[in-house]
Protein backbone atom coordinates (compact mmCIF):
# COMPACT_ATOMS: atom_id res chain seq x y z
CA MET A 1 14.73 -30.09 4.64
CA SER A 2 14.69 -31.64 8.00
CA ARG A 3 15.61 -35.18 8.84
CA ASN A 4 13.31 -37.76 10.65
CA SER A 5 14.18 -41.31 11.17
CA GLY A 6 16.57 -41.14 8.32
CA ILE A 7 14.14 -39.79 6.00
CA ASP A 8 14.33 -36.48 4.19
CA VAL A 9 11.35 -34.43 4.96
CA VAL A 10 10.40 -31.56 2.65
CA ASP A 11 9.45 -28.45 4.50
CA SER A 12 8.56 -26.14 1.56
CA GLU A 13 6.25 -26.57 -1.39
CA ALA A 14 8.66 -24.57 -3.43
CA GLU A 15 10.73 -27.65 -3.33
CA VAL A 16 7.99 -29.90 -4.85
CA GLU A 17 6.85 -29.97 -8.53
CA PHE A 18 3.02 -30.43 -8.56
CA TYR A 19 0.65 -30.65 -11.44
CA ASP A 20 -3.03 -31.70 -12.08
CA PRO A 21 -2.99 -34.24 -14.73
CA ALA A 22 -6.27 -32.89 -16.23
CA ALA A 23 -4.35 -29.50 -16.83
CA GLY A 24 -1.10 -31.14 -18.16
CA HIS A 25 2.12 -31.87 -16.53
CA GLY A 26 4.12 -29.04 -18.22
CA LEU A 27 7.33 -31.26 -18.39
CA PRO A 28 9.12 -32.59 -21.30
CA HIS A 29 7.53 -36.05 -20.95
CA ASP A 30 4.55 -37.31 -18.82
CA PRO A 31 6.26 -38.65 -15.73
CA PHE A 32 3.48 -40.90 -14.60
CA LYS A 33 4.96 -44.24 -16.08
CA ALA A 34 8.36 -43.09 -14.62
CA ILE A 35 6.91 -42.72 -11.09
CA VAL A 36 5.02 -45.96 -10.99
CA ALA A 37 7.96 -48.17 -11.85
CA PRO A 38 9.25 -50.62 -12.26
CA ARG A 39 6.34 -52.83 -13.46
CA LEU A 40 6.61 -56.46 -14.54
CA ILE A 41 5.71 -56.83 -18.23
CA GLY A 42 2.40 -58.49 -19.19
CA TRP A 43 3.70 -60.64 -21.96
CA VAL A 44 0.59 -62.19 -22.85
CA SER A 45 -0.26 -64.92 -25.32
CA THR A 46 -3.71 -65.64 -26.78
CA CYS A 47 -5.57 -67.37 -29.65
CA SER A 48 -8.52 -66.31 -31.61
CA SER A 49 -11.51 -68.40 -31.85
CA SER A 50 -10.02 -69.85 -35.18
CA GLY A 51 -6.80 -70.79 -33.47
CA GLN A 52 -4.59 -67.89 -34.71
CA PRO A 53 -1.92 -67.23 -32.08
CA ASN A 54 -0.98 -63.85 -30.71
CA LEU A 55 1.80 -62.72 -28.50
CA ALA A 56 2.05 -59.15 -27.07
CA PRO A 57 3.64 -57.17 -24.19
CA TYR A 58 1.62 -54.87 -21.92
CA SER A 59 3.13 -52.13 -19.70
CA PHE A 60 0.27 -52.33 -17.12
CA PHE A 61 0.29 -55.63 -15.44
CA GLY A 62 0.17 -57.00 -11.93
CA ALA A 63 -0.88 -59.68 -9.42
CA PHE A 64 -4.00 -59.00 -7.54
CA ALA A 65 -4.62 -61.94 -5.37
CA ALA A 66 -3.01 -65.19 -4.06
CA PHE A 67 -5.90 -67.21 -2.91
CA PRO A 68 -7.07 -67.88 -5.57
CA PRO A 69 -4.16 -66.58 -7.75
CA ILE A 70 -5.34 -63.63 -9.86
CA ILE A 71 -3.39 -61.63 -12.29
CA GLY A 72 -4.36 -58.89 -14.68
CA PHE A 73 -3.37 -56.55 -17.43
CA CYS A 74 -4.76 -53.32 -18.86
CA SER A 75 -5.11 -52.71 -22.64
CA GLU A 76 -4.96 -49.22 -23.96
CA GLY A 77 -7.51 -49.66 -26.75
CA ARG A 78 -9.21 -52.79 -28.04
CA LYS A 79 -6.14 -54.73 -29.25
CA ASP A 80 -6.01 -58.33 -30.60
CA SER A 81 -5.13 -59.84 -27.23
CA LEU A 82 -8.45 -58.37 -25.76
CA ARG A 83 -10.60 -59.36 -28.55
CA ASN A 84 -9.03 -63.07 -28.44
CA ILE A 85 -9.74 -63.34 -24.78
CA GLU A 86 -13.25 -62.14 -25.24
CA GLN A 87 -13.68 -65.02 -27.72
CA THR A 88 -11.92 -67.86 -25.80
CA ARG A 89 -11.80 -66.72 -22.17
CA GLU A 90 -8.25 -67.88 -21.92
CA PHE A 91 -4.75 -66.42 -21.86
CA VAL A 92 -1.28 -67.11 -20.70
CA TRP A 93 1.11 -64.83 -18.97
CA ASN A 94 4.95 -65.51 -19.90
CA LEU A 95 7.83 -64.09 -17.73
CA ALA A 96 9.71 -61.63 -19.81
CA THR A 97 13.58 -61.86 -19.05
CA ARG A 98 16.76 -60.29 -19.97
CA PRO A 99 17.66 -63.11 -22.33
CA LEU A 100 14.35 -62.73 -24.01
CA ALA A 101 14.23 -58.98 -24.10
CA GLU A 102 14.80 -58.63 -27.88
CA GLN A 103 12.24 -61.19 -28.61
CA MET A 104 9.58 -59.48 -26.25
CA ASN A 105 10.28 -56.23 -27.90
CA ARG A 106 9.67 -57.74 -31.41
CA THR A 107 6.22 -58.67 -30.32
CA SER A 108 5.29 -54.99 -29.49
CA ALA A 109 5.21 -54.17 -33.17
CA THR A 110 1.83 -53.23 -34.64
CA VAL A 111 1.01 -56.00 -37.04
CA ALA A 112 -2.11 -57.42 -38.69
CA PRO A 113 -4.16 -59.85 -36.60
CA ASP A 114 -3.15 -62.83 -38.82
CA VAL A 115 0.52 -62.45 -38.09
CA ASP A 116 1.93 -65.07 -35.82
CA GLU A 117 4.07 -63.14 -33.21
CA PHE A 118 5.64 -66.49 -31.91
CA LEU A 119 7.13 -66.73 -35.43
CA LEU A 120 7.97 -63.17 -35.76
CA ALA A 121 9.86 -63.04 -32.39
CA GLY A 122 11.50 -66.38 -32.99
CA VAL A 123 10.16 -68.05 -29.88
CA THR A 124 8.84 -71.58 -29.56
CA PRO A 125 4.90 -72.03 -28.95
CA VAL A 126 4.38 -74.87 -26.50
CA ALA A 127 0.75 -76.16 -26.04
CA GLY A 128 -0.96 -75.39 -22.75
CA ARG A 129 -1.99 -77.99 -20.32
CA ASN A 130 -5.41 -76.41 -19.05
CA VAL A 131 -5.97 -73.97 -21.86
CA SER A 132 -5.79 -74.03 -25.54
CA VAL A 133 -3.38 -71.13 -25.68
CA PRO A 134 0.47 -71.78 -26.23
CA ARG A 135 3.14 -70.41 -23.84
CA VAL A 136 6.55 -69.22 -24.63
CA GLY A 137 8.79 -72.36 -24.43
CA GLU A 138 11.85 -70.26 -23.72
CA SER A 139 10.36 -68.33 -20.65
CA PRO A 140 11.36 -69.65 -17.26
CA ALA A 141 7.81 -69.44 -16.04
CA ALA A 142 4.39 -69.04 -17.38
CA LEU A 143 0.82 -68.85 -16.02
CA GLU A 144 -2.21 -70.29 -17.79
CA CYS A 145 -5.39 -68.22 -16.93
CA ARG A 146 -9.09 -68.31 -17.36
CA LEU A 147 -10.80 -65.12 -17.76
CA LEU A 148 -12.76 -63.79 -14.74
CA GLN A 149 -13.78 -60.43 -16.05
CA ILE A 150 -13.09 -57.63 -18.44
CA SER A 151 -13.99 -54.14 -17.34
CA GLN A 152 -13.76 -50.89 -19.32
CA LEU A 153 -12.34 -48.21 -17.04
CA HIS A 154 -14.29 -45.03 -16.31
CA ASP A 155 -13.04 -41.61 -15.21
CA LEU A 156 -14.32 -39.52 -12.24
CA HIS A 157 -17.23 -38.12 -14.34
CA GLY A 158 -18.24 -41.65 -15.27
CA LYS A 159 -17.20 -41.35 -18.78
CA PRO A 160 -15.87 -44.60 -20.30
CA THR A 161 -12.16 -44.47 -21.25
CA ASP A 162 -10.37 -46.57 -24.05
CA ASN A 163 -8.80 -48.71 -21.35
CA TRP A 164 -9.74 -52.26 -20.48
CA LEU A 165 -8.78 -54.11 -17.50
CA VAL A 166 -8.54 -57.93 -17.90
CA LEU A 167 -8.46 -60.25 -14.86
CA GLY A 168 -7.86 -63.80 -14.98
CA GLN A 169 -7.47 -66.72 -12.43
CA VAL A 170 -4.42 -68.78 -12.69
CA ILE A 171 -5.34 -72.36 -13.45
CA GLY A 172 -1.92 -73.81 -14.57
CA VAL A 173 1.76 -72.86 -13.59
CA HIS A 174 4.88 -73.82 -15.64
CA ILE A 175 8.20 -73.49 -14.18
CA GLN A 176 11.57 -74.49 -15.81
CA LYS A 177 13.19 -76.86 -13.31
CA ALA A 178 16.59 -75.10 -13.78
CA TYR A 179 15.05 -72.22 -11.88
CA LEU A 180 13.82 -74.12 -8.98
CA LYS A 181 16.47 -74.14 -6.12
CA ASP A 182 15.39 -76.19 -2.97
CA GLY A 183 11.84 -75.98 -4.07
CA LEU A 184 11.98 -72.06 -4.48
CA PHE A 185 11.67 -70.22 -7.57
CA ASP A 186 14.92 -68.34 -8.15
CA THR A 187 13.75 -65.02 -9.47
CA TYR A 188 17.28 -63.51 -9.63
CA ALA A 189 18.36 -66.37 -11.85
CA ALA A 190 15.37 -65.90 -14.09
CA GLN A 191 16.48 -62.25 -14.75
CA PRO A 192 13.03 -60.73 -15.12
CA ILE A 193 12.89 -57.32 -16.88
CA MET A 194 10.48 -54.49 -16.09
CA ARG A 195 9.18 -51.26 -17.38
CA ALA A 196 11.15 -48.63 -15.61
CA GLY A 197 10.08 -45.11 -16.85
CA TYR A 198 9.85 -43.53 -20.16
CA ARG A 199 9.73 -44.84 -23.81
CA GLY A 200 12.40 -47.65 -24.14
CA ASP A 201 13.57 -47.81 -20.48
CA TYR A 202 13.75 -51.18 -18.87
CA ALA A 203 15.23 -52.47 -15.64
CA GLU A 204 16.41 -55.53 -14.00
CA ILE A 205 16.26 -56.66 -10.26
CA GLY A 206 19.00 -54.81 -8.43
CA GLU A 207 20.31 -55.23 -4.91
CA ARG A 208 17.85 -56.96 -2.70
CA PHE A 209 17.22 -57.05 0.98
CA GLU A 210 15.05 -58.95 3.45
CA MET A 211 12.48 -57.37 5.81
CA ILE A 212 10.30 -59.60 7.75
CA ARG A 213 6.56 -58.42 8.51
CA PRO A 214 6.20 -57.49 12.30
CA ALA A 215 4.42 -59.84 14.42
CA SER A 216 0.82 -58.75 15.24
């Protein structure tokens, strides 16, 4: 290896593991989710058209735009959350935190559609302001969303996969005042947890540093 600006540069391909996902990774476990990490958890609450609440975590979640604010998650398979959003066009994202980790994990259980995961997890459903979907009352922050689009993902050959991307525009924001300091949301105090690798691996925010974008 050689050094360039303090970064190790690999000189030989012999020092790099490479695989084509279509051919298989050849490792004890698929490293994809461990490489694309950490990822905030999409702890999504929904309601069916009949008013049955649902609460479930999603590993693939992110923010996609700020103006307007747009967030999204991907469902591997047609799960209850997806069907509910198709029916009502609404959902709420709840910030999953270290104090709520066990409750969040309980909502990952595979249960019948008529099971209330708020009750199962022991968290408090609080009515939405701009949507008919409840949020997790104990969560430091929650985003009420209205559906923009649902897209079934396709592979390179145009073949549809069993993966469904849900994008929603944020139309309501809830923040517990205890986590506002000088008007800023205190992310560290909220203790968000993230998926960080293989099955069962989670992480918290570690050491942080500041880096200002260069002036144009």
